[in-house]
Amino acid sequence: MGKKIESFEDLEVWKESMRRTKDIYGDLTNCRDFSLRDQLQRAAVSVPSNIAEGFERQSNREYIQFLYIAKGSAGELRTQVYLAIDLKIIGLESGRDLLDSCKKVSSMLYNLIQTRRRNF
């Protein structure tokens, strides 16, 4: 059995989304398309932020709602990464890594939502 989850910082999905957010910031350091850069960064930050906020809420229902918001932000981010790749703002290899991470986070969020719905 895994480590007991005592805070949102213990959640692997939060950790993975934080790593991806840092990668986004690093990949966009020299981006001159300020609008797209801002959108990518906001969507990236939204994922771990909503995981954390939901964890800190009083009810399981609220927690699940924030997990859904985080999942939506992960989808939004994935779309923006596709656009950034197509516009050559993010390199293909880096973009593929970000897309894989986004898909992984979405899957982890889906699984966490299902667990919270079934067991709490």
Protein backbone atom coordinates (compact mmCIF):
# COMPACT_ATOMS: atom_id res chain seq x y z
CA MET A 1 0.00 0.00 0.00
CA GLY A 2 1.20 3.52 -0.80
CA LYS A 3 2.02 6.38 1.48
CA LYS A 4 -0.91 7.98 3.28
CA ILE A 5 -2.07 11.18 1.61
CA GLU A 6 -2.04 13.89 4.26
CA SER A 7 -1.76 16.97 2.04
CA PHE A 8 -2.11 17.84 -1.62
CA GLU A 9 1.69 17.89 -1.82
CA ASP A 10 1.58 14.10 -1.30
CA LEU A 11 -0.51 13.55 -4.45
CA GLU A 12 1.45 12.24 -7.44
CA VAL A 13 -0.92 14.02 -9.81
CA TRP A 14 -0.14 17.35 -8.12
CA LYS A 15 3.61 16.63 -8.33
CA GLU A 16 3.40 15.69 -12.03
CA SER A 17 1.35 18.77 -12.87
CA MET A 18 3.86 20.98 -11.02
CA ARG A 19 6.74 19.46 -13.01
CA ARG A 20 4.87 20.09 -16.24
CA THR A 21 4.08 23.68 -15.21
CA LYS A 22 7.76 24.36 -14.57
CA ASP A 23 8.58 22.85 -17.98
CA ILE A 24 6.06 25.17 -19.66
CA TYR A 25 7.63 28.21 -18.02
CA GLY A 26 11.09 27.04 -19.10
CA ASP A 27 10.04 26.32 -22.67
CA LEU A 28 8.46 29.75 -23.05
CA THR A 29 11.26 31.89 -21.62
CA ASN A 30 12.02 33.42 -25.02
CA CYS A 31 8.49 33.34 -26.44
CA ARG A 32 7.52 36.68 -27.92
CA ASP A 33 3.87 35.73 -28.48
CA PHE A 34 2.86 37.13 -25.10
CA SER A 35 -0.80 36.26 -25.48
CA LEU A 36 -0.22 32.57 -26.18
CA ARG A 37 2.52 32.41 -23.56
CA ASP A 38 0.14 33.87 -20.99
CA GLN A 39 -2.61 31.41 -21.94
CA LEU A 40 -0.25 28.42 -21.74
CA GLN A 41 1.11 29.50 -18.38
CA ARG A 42 -2.33 30.21 -16.93
CA ALA A 43 -3.71 26.84 -18.03
CA ALA A 44 -0.61 25.06 -16.71
CA VAL A 45 -0.82 26.79 -13.31
CA SER A 46 -4.55 26.13 -13.11
CA VAL A 47 -4.09 22.35 -12.94
CA PRO A 48 -2.05 22.00 -9.71
CA SER A 49 -3.81 25.03 -8.24
CA ASN A 50 -7.25 23.44 -8.60
CA ILE A 51 -5.99 20.11 -7.29
CA ALA A 52 -4.68 21.92 -4.20
CA GLU A 53 -7.77 24.06 -3.73
CA GLY A 54 -10.08 21.07 -4.03
CA PHE A 55 -8.05 19.08 -1.53
CA GLU A 56 -8.42 21.90 0.98
CA ARG A 57 -12.21 22.10 0.60
CA GLN A 58 -14.60 20.78 3.21
CA SER A 59 -16.49 18.16 1.22
CA ASN A 60 -15.72 15.35 -1.18
CA ARG A 61 -18.23 16.83 -3.63
CA GLU A 62 -16.32 20.13 -3.73
CA TYR A 63 -13.01 18.27 -4.06
CA ILE A 64 -14.30 16.32 -7.07
CA GLN A 65 -15.60 19.53 -8.68
CA PHE A 66 -12.14 21.10 -8.45
CA LEU A 67 -10.59 17.92 -9.87
CA TYR A 68 -12.92 18.27 -12.87
CA ILE A 69 -11.82 21.89 -13.28
CA ALA A 70 -8.17 20.77 -13.16
CA LYS A 71 -8.93 18.09 -15.78
CA GLY A 72 -10.54 20.72 -18.01
CA SER A 73 -7.49 22.94 -17.66
CA ALA A 74 -5.27 20.00 -18.62
CA GLY A 75 -7.30 19.62 -21.83
CA GLU A 76 -7.08 23.35 -22.50
CA LEU A 77 -3.32 23.22 -22.00
CA ARG A 78 -2.97 20.25 -24.34
CA THR A 79 -4.78 22.18 -27.09
CA GLN A 80 -2.52 25.19 -26.58
CA VAL A 81 0.60 22.99 -26.69
CA TYR A 82 -0.57 21.59 -30.06
CA LEU A 83 -0.93 25.16 -31.31
CA ALA A 84 2.47 26.18 -29.93
CA ILE A 85 4.07 23.21 -31.70
CA ASP A 86 2.33 24.07 -34.99
CA LEU A 87 3.47 27.70 -34.68
CA LYS A 88 7.01 26.52 -33.83
CA ILE A 89 6.92 28.31 -30.49
CA ILE A 90 7.69 25.02 -28.75
CA GLY A 91 9.99 22.47 -30.35
CA LEU A 92 8.51 19.18 -31.52
CA GLU A 93 10.38 16.98 -29.05
CA SER A 94 9.66 19.24 -26.08
CA GLY A 95 6.06 19.60 -27.23
CA ARG A 96 5.58 15.85 -27.44
CA ASP A 97 6.96 15.48 -23.91
CA LEU A 98 4.52 18.14 -22.70
CA LEU A 99 1.62 16.46 -24.48
CA ASP A 100 2.53 13.10 -22.93
CA SER A 101 2.65 14.73 -19.51
CA CYS A 102 -0.71 16.44 -20.08
CA LYS A 103 -2.28 13.13 -21.08
CA LYS A 104 -0.75 11.44 -18.05
CA VAL A 105 -2.12 14.14 -15.72
CA SER A 106 -5.58 13.88 -17.32
CA SER A 107 -5.56 10.13 -16.82
CA MET A 108 -4.38 10.48 -13.22
CA LEU A 109 -7.13 13.04 -12.56
CA TYR A 110 -9.75 10.75 -14.10
CA ASN A 111 -8.62 7.89 -11.87
CA LEU A 112 -8.58 10.11 -8.77
CA ILE A 113 -12.09 11.38 -9.56
CA GLN A 114 -13.38 7.82 -9.96
CA THR A 115 -11.74 6.77 -6.68
CA ARG A 116 -13.22 9.76 -4.85
CA ARG A 117 -16.67 9.06 -6.30
CA ARG A 118 -16.59 5.37 -5.35
CA ASN A 119 -14.86 5.35 -1.99
CA PHE A 120 -15.64 8.61 -0.22
